[in-house]
Amino acid sequence: GLVIARSLFNHSMAYRSVVIFGTADEISDEQERDHALRVITSHIIPERWEEARTPSPSELKATRVLKVSIDSASVKESGCEPDDDKSDLEENSYWAGCIPITRVFGEPIPDPQTPPVVPCPKNISSYTRGA
């Protein structure tokens, strides 16, 4: 959200940040690569791999999949509370707080070139994440 402080200087924005340290290796084995692509696709939209055209050989050749051995990771997350100066808190004559920001998935909109006889799959029409 937008962090609204008593002083303009202390306005901010809430955030999440992840840093990962490790070693990335390309997956060169075709079966392992195909499995990884299926897992990634299914994580985003379940069952989509079975409903869409599978990647062509030229698309697969142009795609790299990496696996990462994680050595360490760190997460930093700010809250939505202002970090006001002590003097601003003592005076305390200005509104401060947070304006939340939300993201919501809407109704699927078919591509104009999709024939009307092609139905929207249920896993797409009912898609929600993190609600």
N, C-alpha and C. Protein backbone atom coordinates (compact mmCIF):
# COMPACT_ATOMS: atom_id res chain seq x y z
N GLY A 1 0.81 -1.18 0.00
CA GLY A 1 0.00 0.00 0.00
C GLY A 1 0.86 1.25 0.00
N LEU A 2 0.21 2.35 -0.17
CA LEU A 2 0.89 3.65 -0.09
C LEU A 2 0.96 4.06 1.38
N VAL A 3 2.14 4.32 1.85
CA VAL A 3 2.35 4.72 3.24
C VAL A 3 2.32 6.24 3.30
N ILE A 4 1.32 6.77 3.98
CA ILE A 4 1.13 8.21 4.09
C ILE A 4 1.61 8.65 5.46
N ALA A 5 2.67 9.42 5.47
CA ALA A 5 3.26 9.88 6.74
C ALA A 5 2.80 11.30 7.04
N ARG A 6 3.17 11.77 8.20
CA ARG A 6 2.85 13.14 8.58
C ARG A 6 3.73 14.14 7.83
N SER A 7 4.92 13.72 7.49
CA SER A 7 5.85 14.55 6.71
C SER A 7 5.93 13.99 5.30
N LEU A 8 5.94 14.86 4.31
CA LEU A 8 6.06 14.40 2.92
C LEU A 8 7.33 13.59 2.71
N PHE A 9 8.38 13.95 3.42
CA PHE A 9 9.67 13.26 3.28
C PHE A 9 9.58 11.79 3.67
N ASN A 10 8.66 11.45 4.57
CA ASN A 10 8.57 10.09 5.07
C ASN A 10 7.50 9.24 4.38
N HIS A 11 6.85 9.79 3.34
CA HIS A 11 5.91 8.97 2.58
C HIS A 11 6.69 7.81 1.96
N SER A 12 6.02 6.68 1.75
CA SER A 12 6.71 5.51 1.25
C SER A 12 5.71 4.57 0.57
N MET A 13 6.18 3.39 0.30
CA MET A 13 5.33 2.35 -0.26
C MET A 13 5.72 1.02 0.37
N ALA A 14 4.72 0.25 0.76
CA ALA A 14 5.00 -1.07 1.33
C ALA A 14 5.59 -1.96 0.24
N TYR A 15 6.47 -2.86 0.64
CA TYR A 15 7.13 -3.72 -0.35
C TYR A 15 7.48 -5.07 0.24
N ARG A 16 7.75 -6.01 -0.67
CA ARG A 16 8.30 -7.32 -0.33
C ARG A 16 9.47 -7.54 -1.28
N SER A 17 10.54 -8.04 -0.76
CA SER A 17 11.73 -8.28 -1.57
C SER A 17 12.37 -9.59 -1.15
N VAL A 18 12.77 -10.39 -2.13
CA VAL A 18 13.45 -11.65 -1.86
C VAL A 18 14.75 -11.67 -2.65
N VAL A 19 15.83 -12.04 -1.99
CA VAL A 19 17.12 -12.20 -2.64
C VAL A 19 17.57 -13.64 -2.41
N ILE A 20 17.91 -14.32 -3.50
CA ILE A 20 18.34 -15.71 -3.41
C ILE A 20 19.77 -15.81 -3.92
N PHE A 21 20.61 -16.49 -3.16
CA PHE A 21 21.99 -16.76 -3.58
C PHE A 21 22.12 -18.26 -3.81
N GLY A 22 22.69 -18.61 -4.95
CA GLY A 22 22.86 -20.02 -5.25
C GLY A 22 23.46 -20.19 -6.62
N THR A 23 23.36 -21.40 -7.13
CA THR A 23 23.92 -21.73 -8.43
C THR A 23 22.80 -22.17 -9.36
N ALA A 24 22.71 -21.53 -10.53
CA ALA A 24 21.70 -21.89 -11.52
C ALA A 24 22.34 -22.77 -12.58
N ASP A 25 21.65 -23.82 -12.93
CA ASP A 25 22.09 -24.72 -13.99
C ASP A 25 20.95 -24.90 -14.98
N GLU A 26 21.29 -24.91 -16.25
CA GLU A 26 20.27 -25.15 -17.27
C GLU A 26 19.87 -26.62 -17.24
N ILE A 27 18.59 -26.87 -17.37
CA ILE A 27 18.09 -28.23 -17.48
C ILE A 27 18.22 -28.62 -18.95
N SER A 28 19.13 -29.54 -19.23
CA SER A 28 19.37 -29.94 -20.62
C SER A 28 18.66 -31.24 -21.00
N ASP A 29 18.34 -32.06 -20.01
CA ASP A 29 17.61 -33.30 -20.28
C ASP A 29 16.19 -32.95 -20.72
N GLU A 30 15.77 -33.43 -21.90
CA GLU A 30 14.48 -33.06 -22.45
C GLU A 30 13.31 -33.47 -21.56
N GLN A 31 13.36 -34.67 -20.98
CA GLN A 31 12.26 -35.12 -20.11
C GLN A 31 12.17 -34.26 -18.86
N GLU A 32 13.31 -33.93 -18.27
CA GLU A 32 13.31 -33.09 -17.07
C GLU A 32 12.82 -31.69 -17.41
N ARG A 33 13.26 -31.15 -18.56
CA ARG A 33 12.82 -29.82 -18.99
C ARG A 33 11.31 -29.80 -19.22
N ASP A 34 10.80 -30.82 -19.95
CA ASP A 34 9.36 -30.87 -20.21
C ASP A 34 8.57 -30.98 -18.91
N HIS A 35 9.06 -31.78 -17.97
CA HIS A 35 8.39 -31.90 -16.67
C HIS A 35 8.37 -30.54 -15.95
N ALA A 36 9.51 -29.84 -15.97
CA ALA A 36 9.59 -28.53 -15.32
C ALA A 36 8.60 -27.55 -15.95
N LEU A 37 8.50 -27.55 -17.28
CA LEU A 37 7.56 -26.65 -17.95
C LEU A 37 6.12 -26.98 -17.58
N ARG A 38 5.81 -28.27 -17.47
CA ARG A 38 4.47 -28.68 -17.05
C ARG A 38 4.17 -28.21 -15.62
N VAL A 39 5.16 -28.36 -14.73
CA VAL A 39 4.98 -27.95 -13.33
C VAL A 39 4.76 -26.44 -13.25
N ILE A 40 5.57 -25.68 -13.98
CA ILE A 40 5.43 -24.21 -13.96
C ILE A 40 4.06 -23.80 -14.50
N THR A 41 3.68 -24.39 -15.64
CA THR A 41 2.39 -24.05 -16.25
C THR A 41 1.24 -24.41 -15.31
N SER A 42 1.28 -25.59 -14.72
CA SER A 42 0.21 -26.04 -13.83
C SER A 42 0.15 -25.21 -12.56
N HIS A 43 1.29 -24.68 -12.14
CA HIS A 43 1.30 -23.82 -10.95
C HIS A 43 0.53 -22.53 -11.22
N ILE A 44 0.66 -22.02 -12.43
CA ILE A 44 -0.01 -20.76 -12.77
C ILE A 44 -1.49 -21.00 -13.06
N ILE A 45 -1.79 -21.94 -13.96
CA ILE A 45 -3.18 -22.29 -14.27
C ILE A 45 -3.28 -23.81 -14.32
N PRO A 46 -3.88 -24.43 -13.30
CA PRO A 46 -4.00 -25.89 -13.30
C PRO A 46 -4.65 -26.42 -14.58
N GLU A 47 -4.14 -27.53 -15.06
CA GLU A 47 -4.66 -28.26 -16.22
C GLU A 47 -4.44 -27.55 -17.55
N ARG A 48 -3.76 -26.40 -17.56
CA ARG A 48 -3.61 -25.66 -18.82
C ARG A 48 -2.75 -26.43 -19.82
N TRP A 49 -1.76 -27.18 -19.35
CA TRP A 49 -0.89 -27.92 -20.27
C TRP A 49 -1.72 -28.86 -21.16
N GLU A 50 -2.75 -29.47 -20.57
CA GLU A 50 -3.59 -30.40 -21.32
C GLU A 50 -4.58 -29.70 -22.25
N GLU A 51 -4.85 -28.42 -22.02
CA GLU A 51 -5.88 -27.71 -22.79
C GLU A 51 -5.33 -26.87 -23.94
N ALA A 52 -4.04 -26.61 -23.92
CA ALA A 52 -3.46 -25.71 -24.93
C ALA A 52 -2.53 -26.49 -25.85
N ARG A 53 -2.18 -25.88 -26.96
CA ARG A 53 -1.21 -26.49 -27.87
C ARG A 53 0.12 -26.61 -27.14
N THR A 54 0.73 -27.77 -27.24
CA THR A 54 2.03 -27.95 -26.59
C THR A 54 3.10 -27.22 -27.38
N PRO A 55 4.22 -26.88 -26.74
CA PRO A 55 5.27 -26.14 -27.43
C PRO A 55 5.82 -26.92 -28.63
N SER A 56 6.11 -26.18 -29.69
CA SER A 56 6.71 -26.78 -30.88
C SER A 56 8.19 -27.01 -30.63
N PRO A 57 8.85 -27.83 -31.44
CA PRO A 57 10.29 -28.02 -31.28
C PRO A 57 11.08 -26.71 -31.35
N SER A 58 10.68 -25.79 -32.23
CA SER A 58 11.41 -24.51 -32.31
C SER A 58 11.16 -23.65 -31.06
N GLU A 59 9.95 -23.72 -30.48
CA GLU A 59 9.68 -22.98 -29.25
C GLU A 59 10.49 -23.56 -28.09
N LEU A 60 10.58 -24.88 -28.03
CA LEU A 60 11.37 -25.51 -26.97
C LEU A 60 12.85 -25.18 -27.13
N LYS A 61 13.32 -25.13 -28.36
CA LYS A 61 14.73 -24.80 -28.61
C LYS A 61 15.05 -23.37 -28.16
N ALA A 62 14.06 -22.48 -28.24
CA ALA A 62 14.26 -21.07 -27.87
C ALA A 62 14.02 -20.82 -26.38
N THR A 63 13.66 -21.87 -25.64
CA THR A 63 13.32 -21.72 -24.22
C THR A 63 14.37 -22.39 -23.35
N ARG A 64 14.83 -21.67 -22.35
CA ARG A 64 15.77 -22.23 -21.38
C ARG A 64 15.05 -22.34 -20.03
N VAL A 65 15.25 -23.46 -19.37
CA VAL A 65 14.71 -23.67 -18.04
C VAL A 65 15.89 -23.87 -17.11
N LEU A 66 15.88 -23.12 -16.01
CA LEU A 66 16.97 -23.21 -15.04
C LEU A 66 16.47 -23.80 -13.74
N LYS A 67 17.35 -24.56 -13.10
CA LYS A 67 17.08 -25.00 -11.74
C LYS A 67 18.14 -24.35 -10.86
N VAL A 68 17.73 -23.97 -9.68
CA VAL A 68 18.62 -23.23 -8.79
C VAL A 68 18.82 -24.01 -7.50
N SER A 69 20.07 -24.25 -7.18
CA SER A 69 20.42 -24.80 -5.86
C SER A 69 20.61 -23.61 -4.95
N ILE A 70 19.73 -23.46 -3.98
CA ILE A 70 19.74 -22.28 -3.11
C ILE A 70 20.72 -22.48 -1.97
N ASP A 71 21.69 -21.57 -1.88
CA ASP A 71 22.64 -21.57 -0.77
C ASP A 71 22.07 -20.80 0.42
N SER A 72 21.47 -19.65 0.11
CA SER A 72 20.86 -18.83 1.16
C SER A 72 19.84 -17.91 0.51
N ALA A 73 18.96 -17.39 1.33
CA ALA A 73 17.94 -16.46 0.85
C ALA A 73 17.58 -15.52 1.98
N SER A 74 17.13 -14.35 1.59
CA SER A 74 16.66 -13.39 2.60
C SER A 74 15.40 -12.71 2.08
N VAL A 75 14.55 -12.35 3.02
CA VAL A 75 13.30 -11.69 2.71
C VAL A 75 13.26 -10.38 3.48
N LYS A 76 12.82 -9.34 2.80
CA LYS A 76 12.63 -8.06 3.48
C LYS A 76 11.23 -7.59 3.13
N GLU A 77 10.49 -7.20 4.16
CA GLU A 77 9.13 -6.76 3.95
C GLU A 77 8.87 -5.56 4.83
N SER A 78 8.31 -4.53 4.24
CA SER A 78 7.97 -3.36 5.04
C SER A 78 6.49 -3.44 5.40
N GLY A 79 6.15 -2.79 6.46
CA GLY A 79 4.75 -2.72 6.85
C GLY A 79 4.10 -1.53 6.17
N CYS A 80 2.90 -1.27 6.55
CA CYS A 80 2.17 -0.15 5.95
C CYS A 80 1.98 0.97 6.97
N GLU A 81 2.91 1.04 7.94
CA GLU A 81 2.84 2.10 8.94
C GLU A 81 3.93 3.14 8.63
N PRO A 82 3.61 4.40 8.74
CA PRO A 82 4.63 5.42 8.49
C PRO A 82 5.72 5.41 9.56
N ASP A 83 6.90 5.81 9.15
CA ASP A 83 8.05 5.93 10.05
C ASP A 83 8.26 7.42 10.31
N ASP A 84 7.35 7.98 11.12
CA ASP A 84 7.39 9.42 11.36
C ASP A 84 8.49 9.82 12.32
N ASP A 85 8.99 11.03 12.13
CA ASP A 85 9.96 11.60 13.06
C ASP A 85 9.26 11.84 14.40
N LYS A 86 10.04 11.77 15.47
CA LYS A 86 9.50 11.97 16.82
C LYS A 86 8.80 13.32 16.93
N SER A 87 9.38 14.35 16.34
CA SER A 87 8.77 15.68 16.45
C SER A 87 7.41 15.73 15.74
N ASP A 88 7.28 14.99 14.63
CA ASP A 88 5.98 14.95 13.94
C ASP A 88 4.95 14.22 14.79
N LEU A 89 5.38 13.18 15.49
CA LEU A 89 4.46 12.46 16.36
C LEU A 89 4.04 13.29 17.56
N GLU A 90 4.96 14.11 18.07
CA GLU A 90 4.63 14.96 19.21
C GLU A 90 3.62 16.03 18.80
N GLU A 91 3.82 16.63 17.61
CA GLU A 91 2.88 17.63 17.11
C GLU A 91 1.57 16.94 16.72
N ASN A 92 1.67 15.85 15.98
CA ASN A 92 0.57 14.97 15.61
C ASN A 92 -0.67 15.69 15.11
N SER A 93 -0.49 16.63 14.19
CA SER A 93 -1.64 17.37 13.68
C SER A 93 -1.93 17.07 12.21
N TYR A 94 -1.33 16.01 11.71
CA TYR A 94 -1.55 15.62 10.31
C TYR A 94 -1.98 14.16 10.26
N TRP A 95 -2.87 13.86 9.32
CA TRP A 95 -3.33 12.49 9.16
C TRP A 95 -2.19 11.64 8.63
N ALA A 96 -2.09 10.43 9.11
CA ALA A 96 -1.11 9.47 8.61
C ALA A 96 -1.76 8.10 8.61
N GLY A 97 -1.30 7.24 7.74
CA GLY A 97 -1.85 5.89 7.67
C GLY A 97 -1.44 5.20 6.40
N CYS A 98 -2.31 4.38 5.88
CA CYS A 98 -1.98 3.56 4.72
C CYS A 98 -3.17 3.53 3.77
N ILE A 99 -2.87 3.60 2.49
CA ILE A 99 -3.88 3.38 1.46
C ILE A 99 -3.57 2.01 0.85
N PRO A 100 -4.37 0.99 1.15
CA PRO A 100 -4.09 -0.35 0.63
C PRO A 100 -4.20 -0.40 -0.89
N ILE A 101 -3.39 -1.24 -1.48
CA ILE A 101 -3.46 -1.51 -2.91
C ILE A 101 -3.85 -2.98 -3.04
N THR A 102 -4.88 -3.25 -3.83
CA THR A 102 -5.29 -4.63 -4.03
C THR A 102 -5.27 -4.96 -5.52
N ARG A 103 -5.01 -6.23 -5.81
CA ARG A 103 -5.07 -6.72 -7.18
C ARG A 103 -6.09 -7.84 -7.21
N VAL A 104 -6.95 -7.81 -8.20
CA VAL A 104 -8.00 -8.80 -8.31
C VAL A 104 -8.06 -9.30 -9.75
N PHE A 105 -8.18 -10.61 -9.92
CA PHE A 105 -8.37 -11.16 -11.25
C PHE A 105 -9.81 -10.93 -11.66
N GLY A 106 -10.01 -10.45 -12.88
CA GLY A 106 -11.35 -10.20 -13.38
C GLY A 106 -11.86 -11.36 -14.22
N GLU A 107 -13.00 -11.13 -14.85
CA GLU A 107 -13.59 -12.12 -15.73
C GLU A 107 -12.72 -12.29 -16.96
N PRO A 108 -12.47 -13.52 -17.40
CA PRO A 108 -11.70 -13.73 -18.62
C PRO A 108 -12.38 -13.09 -19.83
N ILE A 109 -11.58 -12.48 -20.69
CA ILE A 109 -12.07 -11.85 -21.91
C ILE A 109 -11.50 -12.63 -23.09
N PRO A 110 -12.35 -13.22 -23.92
CA PRO A 110 -11.82 -14.01 -25.03
C PRO A 110 -11.12 -13.13 -26.05
N ASP A 111 -10.10 -13.68 -26.65
CA ASP A 111 -9.42 -13.01 -27.75
C ASP A 111 -10.44 -12.82 -28.88
N PRO A 112 -10.42 -11.69 -29.58
CA PRO A 112 -11.40 -11.47 -30.65
C PRO A 112 -11.36 -12.55 -31.74
N GLN A 113 -10.23 -13.23 -31.88
CA GLN A 113 -10.13 -14.26 -32.91
C GLN A 113 -10.58 -15.64 -32.42
N THR A 114 -10.96 -15.76 -31.16
CA THR A 114 -11.46 -17.04 -30.64
C THR A 114 -12.90 -17.22 -31.12
N PRO A 115 -13.17 -18.29 -31.84
CA PRO A 115 -14.55 -18.52 -32.30
C PRO A 115 -15.50 -18.65 -31.12
N PRO A 116 -16.71 -18.13 -31.25
CA PRO A 116 -17.69 -18.21 -30.16
C PRO A 116 -18.01 -19.64 -29.73
N VAL A 117 -17.78 -20.61 -30.60
CA VAL A 117 -18.08 -22.01 -30.24
C VAL A 117 -17.02 -22.62 -29.34
N VAL A 118 -15.88 -21.95 -29.16
CA VAL A 118 -14.83 -22.47 -28.29
C VAL A 118 -15.10 -21.95 -26.87
N PRO A 119 -15.48 -22.85 -25.96
CA PRO A 119 -15.83 -22.41 -24.61
C PRO A 119 -14.58 -22.08 -23.79
N CYS A 120 -14.77 -21.22 -22.83
CA CYS A 120 -13.70 -20.91 -21.87
C CYS A 120 -13.65 -22.05 -20.86
N PRO A 121 -12.49 -22.69 -20.68
CA PRO A 121 -12.39 -23.79 -19.72
C PRO A 121 -12.74 -23.33 -18.30
N LYS A 122 -13.33 -24.24 -17.54
CA LYS A 122 -13.76 -23.92 -16.17
C LYS A 122 -12.60 -23.44 -15.30
N ASN A 123 -11.40 -24.06 -15.47
CA ASN A 123 -10.27 -23.64 -14.64
C ASN A 123 -9.82 -22.22 -14.97
N ILE A 124 -10.21 -21.69 -16.11
CA ILE A 124 -9.92 -20.29 -16.44
C ILE A 124 -11.08 -19.40 -16.03
N SER A 125 -12.32 -19.81 -16.32
CA SER A 125 -13.47 -18.98 -15.98
C SER A 125 -13.64 -18.79 -14.48
N SER A 126 -13.14 -19.76 -13.68
CA SER A 126 -13.26 -19.65 -12.22
C SER A 126 -11.92 -19.31 -11.56
N TYR A 127 -10.99 -18.77 -12.36
CA TYR A 127 -9.63 -18.53 -11.86
C TYR A 127 -9.59 -17.47 -10.77
N THR A 128 -9.02 -17.82 -9.63
CA THR A 128 -8.73 -16.87 -8.56
C THR A 128 -7.41 -17.31 -7.95
N ARG A 129 -6.67 -16.37 -7.43
CA ARG A 129 -5.39 -16.66 -6.80
C ARG A 129 -5.16 -15.72 -5.65
N GLY A 130 -4.80 -16.27 -4.53
CA GLY A 130 -4.41 -15.43 -3.39
C GLY A 130 -5.52 -14.55 -2.86
N ALA A 131 -6.75 -14.92 -3.12
CA ALA A 131 -7.85 -14.07 -2.66
C ALA A 131 -8.05 -14.20 -1.18
